[in-house]
N, C-alpha and C. Protein backbone atom coordinates (compact mmCIF):
# COMPACT_ATOMS: atom_id res chain seq x y z
N MET A 1 -83.87 69.45 -23.32
CA MET A 1 -85.09 69.73 -22.61
C MET A 1 -85.78 70.94 -23.22
N ILE A 2 -87.07 70.88 -23.23
CA ILE A 2 -87.85 71.98 -23.78
C ILE A 2 -88.35 72.85 -22.64
N ASP A 3 -88.22 74.14 -22.82
CA ASP A 3 -88.68 75.05 -21.78
C ASP A 3 -90.11 75.50 -22.09
N LEU A 4 -90.67 76.23 -21.15
CA LEU A 4 -92.05 76.67 -21.25
C LEU A 4 -92.29 77.55 -22.47
N LYS A 5 -91.36 78.43 -22.77
CA LYS A 5 -91.52 79.35 -23.90
C LYS A 5 -91.62 78.58 -25.22
N LYS A 6 -90.80 77.55 -25.36
CA LYS A 6 -90.80 76.75 -26.59
C LYS A 6 -92.13 76.00 -26.72
N LYS A 7 -92.65 75.48 -25.59
CA LYS A 7 -93.92 74.76 -25.61
C LYS A 7 -95.05 75.70 -26.04
N GLN A 8 -95.07 76.90 -25.50
CA GLN A 8 -96.10 77.87 -25.87
C GLN A 8 -95.99 78.24 -27.34
N GLU A 9 -94.77 78.41 -27.82
CA GLU A 9 -94.54 78.74 -29.22
C GLU A 9 -95.11 77.65 -30.13
N VAL A 10 -94.88 76.40 -29.77
CA VAL A 10 -95.39 75.27 -30.56
C VAL A 10 -96.91 75.30 -30.61
N LEU A 11 -97.55 75.48 -29.45
CA LEU A 11 -99.01 75.48 -29.40
C LEU A 11 -99.61 76.67 -30.15
N LEU A 12 -99.01 77.84 -30.01
CA LEU A 12 -99.54 79.02 -30.70
C LEU A 12 -99.39 78.90 -32.22
N MET A 13 -98.31 78.31 -32.69
CA MET A 13 -98.15 78.10 -34.13
C MET A 13 -99.24 77.17 -34.65
N HIS A 14 -99.60 76.18 -33.87
CA HIS A 14 -100.64 75.24 -34.28
C HIS A 14 -102.02 75.88 -34.24
N ILE A 15 -102.33 76.60 -33.14
CA ILE A 15 -103.67 77.15 -32.95
C ILE A 15 -103.91 78.38 -33.83
N ARG A 16 -103.03 79.36 -33.75
CA ARG A 16 -103.24 80.62 -34.46
C ARG A 16 -102.92 80.54 -35.95
N GLU A 17 -101.78 79.94 -36.25
CA GLU A 17 -101.32 79.95 -37.64
C GLU A 17 -101.76 78.72 -38.42
N GLY A 18 -102.22 77.71 -37.72
CA GLY A 18 -102.69 76.50 -38.39
C GLY A 18 -101.58 75.73 -39.10
N ARG A 19 -100.38 75.84 -38.61
CA ARG A 19 -99.25 75.16 -39.24
C ARG A 19 -99.26 73.66 -38.92
N SER A 20 -98.65 72.89 -39.80
CA SER A 20 -98.57 71.45 -39.60
C SER A 20 -97.49 71.13 -38.57
N GLN A 21 -97.56 69.90 -38.06
CA GLN A 21 -96.59 69.48 -37.06
C GLN A 21 -95.17 69.49 -37.63
N ARG A 22 -95.03 69.09 -38.88
CA ARG A 22 -93.71 69.08 -39.52
C ARG A 22 -93.14 70.49 -39.64
N GLU A 23 -93.97 71.43 -40.06
CA GLU A 23 -93.51 72.82 -40.19
C GLU A 23 -93.08 73.38 -38.83
N ILE A 24 -93.88 73.10 -37.83
CA ILE A 24 -93.56 73.58 -36.48
C ILE A 24 -92.25 72.98 -36.00
N ALA A 25 -92.08 71.68 -36.23
CA ALA A 25 -90.86 71.00 -35.80
C ALA A 25 -89.63 71.59 -36.49
N GLN A 26 -89.74 71.88 -37.77
CA GLN A 26 -88.60 72.43 -38.50
C GLN A 26 -88.27 73.84 -38.05
N SER A 27 -89.29 74.67 -37.85
CA SER A 27 -89.02 76.07 -37.50
C SER A 27 -88.58 76.25 -36.05
N THR A 28 -89.00 75.36 -35.17
CA THR A 28 -88.64 75.51 -33.75
C THR A 28 -87.49 74.62 -33.32
N SER A 29 -87.03 73.73 -34.18
CA SER A 29 -85.96 72.77 -33.87
C SER A 29 -86.36 71.84 -32.71
N VAL A 30 -87.61 71.48 -32.70
CA VAL A 30 -88.14 70.54 -31.72
C VAL A 30 -88.54 69.28 -32.48
N ASP A 31 -88.30 68.13 -31.88
CA ASP A 31 -88.64 66.87 -32.52
C ASP A 31 -90.13 66.81 -32.84
N ARG A 32 -90.46 66.23 -33.99
CA ARG A 32 -91.84 66.16 -34.44
C ARG A 32 -92.72 65.38 -33.46
N LYS A 33 -92.17 64.36 -32.85
CA LYS A 33 -92.94 63.57 -31.88
C LYS A 33 -93.29 64.40 -30.64
N THR A 34 -92.38 65.28 -30.26
CA THR A 34 -92.64 66.16 -29.12
C THR A 34 -93.72 67.17 -29.47
N VAL A 35 -93.65 67.70 -30.67
CA VAL A 35 -94.67 68.64 -31.14
C VAL A 35 -96.03 67.95 -31.12
N ARG A 36 -96.08 66.72 -31.64
CA ARG A 36 -97.33 65.96 -31.67
C ARG A 36 -97.85 65.74 -30.25
N LYS A 37 -96.96 65.43 -29.31
CA LYS A 37 -97.34 65.18 -27.92
C LYS A 37 -98.00 66.41 -27.30
N TYR A 38 -97.42 67.59 -27.50
CA TYR A 38 -97.97 68.81 -26.91
C TYR A 38 -99.30 69.19 -27.54
N ILE A 39 -99.42 69.02 -28.84
CA ILE A 39 -100.67 69.35 -29.52
C ILE A 39 -101.77 68.40 -29.07
N LYS A 40 -101.46 67.12 -29.00
CA LYS A 40 -102.44 66.12 -28.57
C LYS A 40 -102.88 66.38 -27.13
N GLU A 41 -101.92 66.71 -26.28
CA GLU A 41 -102.21 67.01 -24.88
C GLU A 41 -103.15 68.21 -24.77
N TYR A 42 -102.88 69.24 -25.56
CA TYR A 42 -103.71 70.44 -25.57
C TYR A 42 -105.13 70.11 -26.03
N GLU A 43 -105.24 69.35 -27.11
CA GLU A 43 -106.56 69.05 -27.67
C GLU A 43 -107.39 68.16 -26.75
N THR A 44 -106.76 67.22 -26.08
CA THR A 44 -107.51 66.36 -25.15
C THR A 44 -108.02 67.16 -23.95
N LYS A 45 -107.21 68.06 -23.44
CA LYS A 45 -107.65 68.90 -22.32
C LYS A 45 -108.79 69.82 -22.75
N ARG A 46 -108.71 70.32 -23.97
CA ARG A 46 -109.76 71.19 -24.50
C ARG A 46 -111.08 70.41 -24.64
N CYS A 47 -111.00 69.19 -25.14
CA CYS A 47 -112.20 68.35 -25.28
C CYS A 47 -112.81 68.02 -23.92
N GLU A 48 -111.96 67.73 -22.93
CA GLU A 48 -112.45 67.44 -21.58
C GLU A 48 -113.19 68.63 -21.00
N LEU A 49 -112.65 69.83 -21.20
CA LEU A 49 -113.30 71.03 -20.68
C LEU A 49 -114.62 71.30 -21.39
N GLU A 50 -114.67 71.04 -22.68
CA GLU A 50 -115.91 71.24 -23.43
C GLU A 50 -116.99 70.27 -22.97
N LYS A 51 -116.61 69.03 -22.63
CA LYS A 51 -117.57 68.04 -22.15
C LYS A 51 -118.09 68.41 -20.76
N LEU A 52 -117.20 68.92 -19.91
CA LEU A 52 -117.59 69.26 -18.55
C LEU A 52 -118.46 70.50 -18.49
N ASN A 53 -118.07 71.52 -19.19
CA ASN A 53 -118.79 72.80 -19.15
C ASN A 53 -119.19 73.24 -20.54
N SER A 54 -120.43 73.62 -20.65
CA SER A 54 -120.82 74.21 -21.92
C SER A 54 -120.33 75.65 -21.99
N ASN A 55 -120.18 76.29 -20.80
CA ASN A 55 -119.66 77.66 -20.74
C ASN A 55 -118.17 77.68 -21.06
N MET A 56 -117.48 76.62 -20.70
CA MET A 56 -116.04 76.43 -20.92
C MET A 56 -115.21 77.53 -20.27
N ASP A 57 -114.74 77.23 -19.08
CA ASP A 57 -113.85 78.13 -18.36
C ASP A 57 -112.46 78.00 -19.00
N SER A 58 -112.04 79.02 -19.67
CA SER A 58 -110.76 78.96 -20.40
C SER A 58 -109.56 79.09 -19.46
N GLY A 59 -109.79 79.41 -18.21
CA GLY A 59 -108.69 79.55 -17.25
C GLY A 59 -107.92 78.26 -17.05
N GLU A 60 -108.63 77.14 -16.97
CA GLU A 60 -107.97 75.85 -16.79
C GLU A 60 -107.18 75.46 -18.03
N LEU A 61 -107.75 75.75 -19.19
CA LEU A 61 -107.06 75.44 -20.44
C LEU A 61 -105.80 76.28 -20.58
N ILE A 62 -105.90 77.53 -20.23
CA ILE A 62 -104.73 78.41 -20.29
C ILE A 62 -103.68 77.94 -19.30
N GLN A 63 -104.12 77.52 -18.11
CA GLN A 63 -103.18 77.02 -17.10
C GLN A 63 -102.42 75.80 -17.63
N SER A 64 -103.12 74.91 -18.33
CA SER A 64 -102.45 73.72 -18.86
C SER A 64 -101.47 74.09 -19.98
N ILE A 65 -101.78 75.15 -20.69
CA ILE A 65 -100.88 75.59 -21.77
C ILE A 65 -99.61 76.19 -21.19
N VAL A 66 -99.76 77.00 -20.14
CA VAL A 66 -98.59 77.69 -19.58
C VAL A 66 -97.84 76.84 -18.56
N GLU A 67 -98.32 75.63 -18.33
CA GLU A 67 -97.64 74.73 -17.40
C GLU A 67 -96.34 74.22 -18.03
N ALA A 68 -95.28 74.24 -17.25
CA ALA A 68 -93.98 73.78 -17.76
C ALA A 68 -94.02 72.29 -18.05
N PRO A 69 -93.29 71.83 -19.06
CA PRO A 69 -93.25 70.40 -19.39
C PRO A 69 -92.67 69.58 -18.24
N ARG A 70 -93.20 68.39 -18.05
CA ARG A 70 -92.70 67.50 -17.00
C ARG A 70 -92.02 66.31 -17.63
N TYR A 71 -90.97 65.87 -16.98
CA TYR A 71 -90.21 64.73 -17.47
C TYR A 71 -90.14 63.67 -16.38
N GLN A 72 -90.23 62.41 -16.79
CA GLN A 72 -90.14 61.31 -15.83
C GLN A 72 -88.69 60.82 -15.82
N VAL A 73 -87.91 61.40 -14.93
CA VAL A 73 -86.49 61.09 -14.89
C VAL A 73 -86.18 59.92 -13.97
N GLY A 74 -86.81 59.88 -12.82
CA GLY A 74 -86.46 58.90 -11.82
C GLY A 74 -87.03 57.50 -12.02
N LYS A 75 -87.83 57.28 -13.05
CA LYS A 75 -88.49 56.00 -13.22
C LYS A 75 -87.82 55.13 -14.28
N ARG A 76 -86.62 55.48 -14.67
CA ARG A 76 -85.94 54.70 -15.70
C ARG A 76 -85.37 53.42 -15.13
N VAL A 77 -85.36 52.39 -15.95
CA VAL A 77 -84.83 51.10 -15.53
C VAL A 77 -83.31 51.11 -15.71
N LYS A 78 -82.61 50.57 -14.72
CA LYS A 78 -81.15 50.48 -14.82
C LYS A 78 -80.82 49.41 -15.84
N ARG A 79 -80.18 49.81 -16.93
CA ARG A 79 -79.95 48.88 -18.03
C ARG A 79 -78.71 48.04 -17.86
N LYS A 80 -77.66 48.61 -17.31
CA LYS A 80 -76.39 47.89 -17.27
C LYS A 80 -76.04 47.30 -15.92
N LEU A 81 -76.58 47.86 -14.86
CA LEU A 81 -76.25 47.39 -13.51
C LEU A 81 -76.96 46.07 -13.25
N THR A 82 -76.18 45.02 -13.04
CA THR A 82 -76.76 43.71 -12.76
C THR A 82 -76.56 43.37 -11.29
N LYS A 83 -77.24 42.33 -10.85
CA LYS A 83 -77.10 41.87 -9.46
C LYS A 83 -75.67 41.41 -9.19
N GLU A 84 -75.05 40.80 -10.20
CA GLU A 84 -73.67 40.32 -10.05
C GLU A 84 -72.71 41.48 -9.81
N MET A 85 -72.90 42.58 -10.58
CA MET A 85 -72.05 43.76 -10.40
C MET A 85 -72.26 44.36 -9.01
N GLU A 86 -73.52 44.45 -8.62
CA GLU A 86 -73.83 45.03 -7.32
C GLU A 86 -73.24 44.17 -6.19
N GLN A 87 -73.26 42.86 -6.39
CA GLN A 87 -72.69 41.94 -5.39
C GLN A 87 -71.17 42.14 -5.29
N ARG A 88 -70.49 42.30 -6.43
CA ARG A 88 -69.03 42.52 -6.42
C ARG A 88 -68.70 43.85 -5.72
N ILE A 89 -69.49 44.88 -5.96
CA ILE A 89 -69.27 46.17 -5.30
C ILE A 89 -69.48 46.01 -3.80
N GLN A 90 -70.52 45.27 -3.41
CA GLN A 90 -70.79 45.04 -1.99
C GLN A 90 -69.62 44.30 -1.34
N GLU A 91 -69.04 43.32 -2.04
CA GLU A 91 -67.88 42.59 -1.51
C GLU A 91 -66.71 43.53 -1.24
N GLN A 92 -66.49 44.49 -2.14
CA GLN A 92 -65.39 45.44 -1.97
C GLN A 92 -65.65 46.36 -0.78
N ILE A 93 -66.90 46.73 -0.57
CA ILE A 93 -67.24 47.58 0.58
C ILE A 93 -67.02 46.83 1.88
N VAL A 94 -67.42 45.55 1.92
CA VAL A 94 -67.20 44.72 3.11
C VAL A 94 -65.70 44.58 3.37
N GLU A 95 -64.93 44.37 2.30
CA GLU A 95 -63.47 44.26 2.42
C GLU A 95 -62.88 45.56 3.00
N ASN A 96 -63.40 46.70 2.54
CA ASN A 96 -62.95 47.99 3.07
C ASN A 96 -63.26 48.12 4.56
N LYS A 97 -64.43 47.66 4.98
CA LYS A 97 -64.80 47.75 6.39
C LYS A 97 -63.87 46.88 7.25
N GLU A 98 -63.49 45.73 6.73
CA GLU A 98 -62.56 44.86 7.45
C GLU A 98 -61.19 45.52 7.58
N LYS A 99 -60.74 46.20 6.53
CA LYS A 99 -59.46 46.89 6.57
C LYS A 99 -59.48 48.03 7.59
N VAL A 100 -60.62 48.71 7.72
CA VAL A 100 -60.75 49.78 8.70
C VAL A 100 -60.63 49.20 10.11
N LYS A 101 -61.26 48.04 10.34
CA LYS A 101 -61.17 47.39 11.66
C LYS A 101 -59.74 46.99 12.00
N LYS A 102 -58.95 46.63 10.99
CA LYS A 102 -57.55 46.24 11.20
C LYS A 102 -56.63 47.45 11.27
N GLY A 103 -57.16 48.63 11.00
CA GLY A 103 -56.34 49.83 11.05
C GLY A 103 -55.62 50.12 9.74
N LEU A 104 -56.05 49.52 8.64
CA LEU A 104 -55.39 49.72 7.34
C LEU A 104 -56.16 50.73 6.50
N ARG A 105 -56.39 51.90 7.06
CA ARG A 105 -57.18 52.93 6.39
C ARG A 105 -56.58 53.38 5.06
N LYS A 106 -55.29 53.38 4.96
CA LYS A 106 -54.65 53.87 3.74
C LYS A 106 -54.71 52.85 2.61
N GLN A 107 -55.18 51.64 2.89
CA GLN A 107 -55.26 50.60 1.87
C GLN A 107 -56.70 50.36 1.40
N LEU A 108 -57.60 51.27 1.72
CA LEU A 108 -58.99 51.14 1.28
C LEU A 108 -59.10 51.35 -0.22
N LYS A 109 -60.08 50.68 -0.82
CA LYS A 109 -60.34 50.87 -2.25
C LYS A 109 -61.33 52.00 -2.41
N LYS A 110 -60.97 52.96 -3.24
CA LYS A 110 -61.86 54.07 -3.55
C LYS A 110 -62.81 53.61 -4.66
N PRO A 111 -63.88 54.36 -4.89
CA PRO A 111 -64.81 53.98 -5.97
C PRO A 111 -64.12 53.84 -7.34
N ILE A 112 -63.12 54.67 -7.62
CA ILE A 112 -62.41 54.57 -8.90
C ILE A 112 -61.66 53.25 -8.99
N ASP A 113 -61.11 52.78 -7.85
CA ASP A 113 -60.42 51.49 -7.82
C ASP A 113 -61.41 50.34 -8.05
N ILE A 114 -62.58 50.45 -7.45
CA ILE A 114 -63.61 49.42 -7.63
C ILE A 114 -64.05 49.39 -9.09
N HIS A 115 -64.21 50.57 -9.68
CA HIS A 115 -64.60 50.65 -11.10
C HIS A 115 -63.55 50.00 -11.99
N GLU A 116 -62.29 50.29 -11.75
CA GLU A 116 -61.21 49.69 -12.55
C GLU A 116 -61.18 48.18 -12.38
N MET A 117 -61.41 47.71 -11.15
CA MET A 117 -61.44 46.27 -10.90
C MET A 117 -62.58 45.60 -11.67
N LEU A 118 -63.75 46.23 -11.68
CA LEU A 118 -64.89 45.68 -12.40
C LEU A 118 -64.63 45.64 -13.91
N GLU A 119 -64.01 46.70 -14.43
CA GLU A 119 -63.68 46.71 -15.86
C GLU A 119 -62.67 45.63 -16.20
N MET A 120 -61.70 45.40 -15.32
CA MET A 120 -60.71 44.35 -15.56
C MET A 120 -61.36 42.96 -15.54
N GLU A 121 -62.44 42.82 -14.77
CA GLU A 121 -63.16 41.55 -14.71
C GLU A 121 -64.10 41.38 -15.90
N GLY A 122 -64.20 42.40 -16.75
CA GLY A 122 -65.00 42.29 -17.97
C GLY A 122 -66.39 42.88 -17.89
N PHE A 123 -66.71 43.57 -16.80
CA PHE A 123 -68.03 44.20 -16.69
C PHE A 123 -68.03 45.52 -17.46
N ASP A 124 -69.15 45.80 -18.12
CA ASP A 124 -69.32 47.06 -18.85
C ASP A 124 -70.18 47.98 -17.98
N ILE A 125 -69.51 48.86 -17.23
CA ILE A 125 -70.21 49.73 -16.28
C ILE A 125 -69.47 51.06 -16.22
N SER A 126 -70.21 52.14 -16.03
CA SER A 126 -69.58 53.46 -15.96
C SER A 126 -69.16 53.77 -14.53
N TYR A 127 -68.24 54.71 -14.42
CA TYR A 127 -67.75 55.13 -13.11
C TYR A 127 -68.87 55.76 -12.29
N SER A 128 -69.72 56.56 -12.95
CA SER A 128 -70.79 57.24 -12.21
C SER A 128 -71.78 56.23 -11.62
N THR A 129 -72.02 55.12 -12.32
CA THR A 129 -72.90 54.09 -11.79
C THR A 129 -72.28 53.43 -10.57
N VAL A 130 -70.98 53.13 -10.66
CA VAL A 130 -70.28 52.53 -9.52
C VAL A 130 -70.33 53.48 -8.33
N LEU A 131 -70.07 54.74 -8.58
CA LEU A 131 -70.08 55.74 -7.51
C LEU A 131 -71.45 55.83 -6.85
N ARG A 132 -72.51 55.83 -7.65
CA ARG A 132 -73.86 55.89 -7.12
C ARG A 132 -74.18 54.66 -6.26
N VAL A 133 -73.77 53.48 -6.72
CA VAL A 133 -74.04 52.24 -5.97
C VAL A 133 -73.23 52.23 -4.68
N VAL A 134 -71.97 52.64 -4.75
CA VAL A 134 -71.13 52.68 -3.55
C VAL A 134 -71.74 53.61 -2.50
N ARG A 135 -72.17 54.78 -2.92
CA ARG A 135 -72.78 55.72 -1.98
C ARG A 135 -74.05 55.16 -1.36
N LYS A 136 -74.84 54.47 -2.19
CA LYS A 136 -76.10 53.89 -1.69
C LYS A 136 -75.81 52.77 -0.69
N LEU A 137 -74.83 51.92 -0.99
CA LEU A 137 -74.54 50.77 -0.13
C LEU A 137 -73.79 51.16 1.14
N GLU A 138 -72.92 52.17 1.06
CA GLU A 138 -72.17 52.59 2.25
C GLU A 138 -73.07 53.31 3.24
N ASN A 139 -73.93 54.19 2.73
CA ASN A 139 -74.88 54.92 3.56
C ASN A 139 -74.20 55.53 4.78
N LYS A 140 -73.15 56.30 4.54
CA LYS A 140 -72.39 56.93 5.62
C LYS A 140 -73.16 58.12 6.20
N PRO A 141 -73.12 58.29 7.52
CA PRO A 141 -73.69 59.50 8.08
C PRO A 141 -72.77 60.69 7.77
N LYS A 142 -73.36 61.84 7.59
CA LYS A 142 -72.55 63.02 7.28
C LYS A 142 -71.76 63.45 8.50
N GLU A 143 -70.52 63.85 8.27
CA GLU A 143 -69.66 64.29 9.36
C GLU A 143 -69.91 65.77 9.64
N ALA A 144 -69.74 66.15 10.89
CA ALA A 144 -69.89 67.54 11.28
C ALA A 144 -68.59 68.02 11.93
N TYR A 145 -68.23 69.23 11.64
CA TYR A 145 -67.01 69.81 12.19
C TYR A 145 -67.36 71.09 12.92
N ILE A 146 -66.64 71.33 13.98
CA ILE A 146 -66.82 72.56 14.73
C ILE A 146 -65.58 73.41 14.50
N LYS A 147 -65.78 74.56 13.93
CA LYS A 147 -64.66 75.45 13.67
C LYS A 147 -64.27 76.11 14.99
N ALA A 148 -63.02 75.93 15.34
CA ALA A 148 -62.54 76.48 16.60
C ALA A 148 -61.59 77.64 16.33
N ALA A 149 -61.65 78.62 17.17
CA ALA A 149 -60.75 79.77 17.04
C ALA A 149 -59.99 79.92 18.35
N TYR A 150 -58.66 79.96 18.25
CA TYR A 150 -57.81 80.07 19.44
C TYR A 150 -56.90 81.27 19.29
N LEU A 151 -56.44 81.73 20.41
CA LEU A 151 -55.46 82.81 20.39
C LEU A 151 -54.11 82.23 19.97
N PRO A 152 -53.28 83.00 19.29
CA PRO A 152 -51.97 82.49 18.86
C PRO A 152 -51.14 82.01 20.05
N GLY A 153 -50.61 80.78 19.93
CA GLY A 153 -49.77 80.20 20.97
C GLY A 153 -50.56 79.47 22.04
N ASP A 154 -51.87 79.47 21.98
CA ASP A 154 -52.71 78.80 22.97
C ASP A 154 -52.67 77.28 22.83
N ILE A 155 -52.94 76.79 21.64
CA ILE A 155 -53.05 75.35 21.40
C ILE A 155 -52.29 75.01 20.12
N CYS A 156 -51.73 73.80 20.13
CA CYS A 156 -51.00 73.31 18.96
C CYS A 156 -51.52 71.92 18.62
N GLU A 157 -51.83 71.65 17.32
CA GLU A 157 -52.35 70.35 16.91
C GLU A 157 -51.45 69.73 15.86
N PHE A 158 -51.32 68.42 15.92
CA PHE A 158 -50.51 67.67 14.96
C PHE A 158 -51.32 66.50 14.43
N ASP A 159 -50.98 66.07 13.22
CA ASP A 159 -51.57 64.87 12.66
C ASP A 159 -50.50 63.78 12.72
N TRP A 160 -50.67 62.84 13.64
CA TRP A 160 -49.69 61.77 13.82
C TRP A 160 -50.11 60.53 13.04
N GLY A 161 -50.74 60.72 11.89
CA GLY A 161 -51.24 59.59 11.08
C GLY A 161 -50.12 58.67 10.63
N GLY A 162 -50.47 57.45 10.38
CA GLY A 162 -49.52 56.45 9.92
C GLY A 162 -50.25 55.27 9.33
N SER A 163 -49.51 54.27 8.94
CA SER A 163 -50.13 53.06 8.41
C SER A 163 -49.58 51.86 9.14
N LYS A 164 -50.42 50.85 9.28
CA LYS A 164 -50.01 49.62 9.93
C LYS A 164 -49.73 48.58 8.86
N SER A 165 -48.74 47.78 9.07
CA SER A 165 -48.44 46.71 8.11
C SER A 165 -49.13 45.42 8.53
N ASN A 166 -49.12 44.45 7.64
CA ASN A 166 -49.74 43.16 7.91
C ASN A 166 -48.85 42.23 8.72
N ASP A 167 -47.63 42.66 9.06
CA ASP A 167 -46.68 41.79 9.76
C ASP A 167 -47.17 41.35 11.11
């Protein structure tokens, strides 16, 4: 990712020093296409301001120069996640819900287990993708805990957890 300082450096090298895009890219270690993008963006905004005002308020142009670069992160298409994979993950979540109803909490499949199962079935999918889909499909409400403070010897708590068999 390019930060604001690097973007300003690129533009100033182009405007003040008149350096070429290739020279700027080599000296700043920024891709040439990125350098071209920032220079083109600057020049189009400058042309728009010149068309709008003959006086040309340089404040807007300066604001666009000092504006931090923006990236479109959330609009990417999911390349590997298919409907079939999502359906298999949904089946595992439904199976987990049925196990909870039967009292088999210790036999639930965790996201890592679902990921391993999908890989064994021949799907090419990452663990982080499986985890993201599981979280989206489960849509669990967040749990809240109340921290309690007791005097020593007042109250005693035990965890009587266990597992039920299928017998």
